[in-house]
Amino acid sequence: MPVDVRKLIFSKDELLSAFQKTCRLKNFVDSQASVEKYELASVKKSDSDAEELSATVTFMSPDPRNPIKANLDEDQIIEALISDCKDLNIPLPRKGQKFLKQHKEGLAMSMGLNEAAKPS
């Protein structure tokens, strides 16, 4: 059976923008805060040997010694990227699995759609 696979690669600047929008929408930070940087890390899932990505997003703060940080798990990162794709009118499959992988300074989101998940 054929499998449909797509990969979208997000640059560092695109990730900063997507993370900022998501953190504001979820009220993780003040709506005026602007993102300064992010760090991606791989963490082991507690129920298996599999790893998943997490992101720590740092926002500018009035007190430079005490920056504002928001932590995003892999599902929240995927949600941020999907939301960004919607804003940019990039079509994505509703069904199918989405996977993240670091790509240079950015991030790649791969989507797989097997024959059973394809619309009829």
Protein backbone atom coordinates (compact mmCIF):
# COMPACT_ATOMS: atom_id res chain seq x y z
CA MET A 1 0.00 0.00 0.00
CA PRO A 2 1.34 3.45 -0.85
CA VAL A 3 2.12 5.90 1.92
CA ASP A 4 1.91 9.66 1.47
CA VAL A 5 4.66 11.53 3.37
CA ARG A 6 5.19 15.29 3.52
CA LYS A 7 7.83 17.29 5.31
CA LEU A 8 7.66 20.96 6.21
CA ILE A 9 10.82 22.64 7.43
CA PHE A 10 10.47 25.64 9.73
CA SER A 11 13.34 28.11 10.07
CA LYS A 12 14.50 29.54 13.37
CA ASP A 13 12.57 32.78 12.73
CA GLU A 14 9.40 30.88 11.79
CA LEU A 15 9.64 28.86 15.00
CA LEU A 16 10.13 32.01 17.08
CA SER A 17 6.99 33.48 15.53
CA ALA A 18 4.91 30.30 15.96
CA PHE A 19 6.01 29.83 19.57
CA GLN A 20 5.26 33.46 20.40
CA LYS A 21 1.73 33.24 18.97
CA THR A 22 1.01 29.99 20.81
CA CYS A 23 2.34 31.22 24.15
CA ARG A 24 0.24 34.37 23.86
CA LEU A 25 -2.93 32.48 22.87
CA LYS A 26 -2.50 30.04 25.75
CA ASN A 27 -1.79 32.94 28.13
CA PHE A 28 1.60 31.52 29.11
CA VAL A 29 3.00 35.06 28.89
CA ASP A 30 1.82 38.66 28.77
CA SER A 31 0.48 39.62 25.35
CA GLN A 32 3.16 42.32 25.07
CA ALA A 33 6.10 40.02 25.78
CA SER A 34 8.33 39.35 22.84
CA VAL A 35 10.22 36.11 22.37
CA GLU A 36 13.97 36.27 22.71
CA LYS A 37 15.04 32.69 22.00
CA TYR A 38 14.04 29.06 22.24
CA GLU A 39 15.86 25.86 23.05
CA LEU A 40 14.85 22.42 21.84
CA ALA A 41 15.58 19.31 23.87
CA SER A 42 14.87 15.61 23.49
CA VAL A 43 13.34 13.94 26.51
CA LYS A 44 12.49 10.30 27.08
CA LYS A 45 8.84 9.43 27.37
CA SER A 46 8.13 7.94 30.77
CA ASP A 47 6.20 4.96 29.40
CA SER A 48 8.74 3.84 26.76
CA ASP A 49 12.22 4.24 25.33
CA ALA A 50 10.92 6.67 22.73
CA GLU A 51 12.00 10.29 22.83
CA GLU A 52 10.01 13.42 22.20
CA LEU A 53 10.96 17.04 21.70
CA SER A 54 10.27 19.84 24.11
CA ALA A 55 10.93 23.56 23.78
CA THR A 56 11.79 26.18 26.33
CA VAL A 57 10.81 29.60 25.02
CA THR A 58 12.44 32.62 26.67
CA PHE A 59 10.74 36.01 26.54
CA MET A 60 12.21 39.43 27.22
CA SER A 61 11.60 40.56 30.76
CA PRO A 62 11.87 43.88 32.60
CA ASP A 63 14.35 42.11 34.89
CA PRO A 64 17.13 40.58 32.72
CA ARG A 65 18.22 38.37 35.65
CA ASN A 66 14.77 36.79 35.78
CA PRO A 67 13.61 35.99 32.22
CA ILE A 68 10.11 34.75 31.50
CA LYS A 69 10.12 31.15 30.27
CA ALA A 70 7.42 28.92 28.84
CA ASN A 71 7.80 25.18 28.34
CA LEU A 72 6.12 23.46 25.40
CA ASP A 73 5.83 19.71 25.08
CA GLU A 74 5.85 17.95 21.71
CA ASP A 75 2.07 18.13 21.29
CA GLN A 76 2.10 21.88 21.97
CA ILE A 77 4.95 22.35 19.46
CA ILE A 78 2.97 20.46 16.82
CA GLU A 79 -0.11 22.53 17.68
CA ALA A 80 1.92 25.74 17.24
CA LEU A 81 3.21 24.60 13.84
CA ILE A 82 -0.25 23.51 12.66
CA SER A 83 -1.66 26.88 13.73
CA ASP A 84 1.11 28.66 11.84
CA CYS A 85 0.35 26.57 8.72
CA LYS A 86 -3.33 27.56 8.98
CA ASP A 87 -2.35 31.23 9.21
CA LEU A 88 -0.20 30.81 6.09
CA ASN A 89 -2.88 28.79 4.22
CA ILE A 90 -0.65 25.71 4.00
CA PRO A 91 -2.94 22.67 3.68
CA LEU A 92 -2.30 19.80 6.09
CA PRO A 93 -3.93 16.38 6.36
CA ARG A 94 -6.35 16.15 9.28
CA LYS A 95 -5.65 12.47 9.72
CA GLY A 96 -2.25 10.94 9.83
CA GLN A 97 0.62 11.11 12.22
CA LYS A 98 2.85 14.13 12.64
CA PHE A 99 6.48 13.77 13.67
CA LEU A 100 9.06 16.34 14.70
CA LYS A 101 12.78 16.27 14.11
CA GLN A 102 15.45 18.91 14.55
CA HIS A 103 16.71 20.24 11.23
CA LYS A 104 19.82 22.44 11.36
CA GLU A 105 18.73 25.51 13.37
CA GLY A 106 15.05 24.82 12.71
CA LEU A 107 12.57 22.01 12.94
CA ALA A 108 11.02 19.59 10.45
CA MET A 109 7.46 18.35 10.81
CA SER A 110 6.79 15.18 8.83
CA MET A 111 3.29 13.91 8.17
CA GLY A 112 2.47 10.39 7.15
CA LEU A 113 -0.80 9.23 5.68
CA ASN A 114 -1.26 5.54 4.91
CA GLU A 115 -3.85 4.12 2.51
CA ALA A 116 -6.35 3.41 5.32
CA ALA A 117 -6.29 7.06 6.51
CA LYS A 118 -6.70 8.63 3.06
CA PRO A 119 -10.07 10.21 2.32
CA SER A 120 -12.24 8.18 -0.02
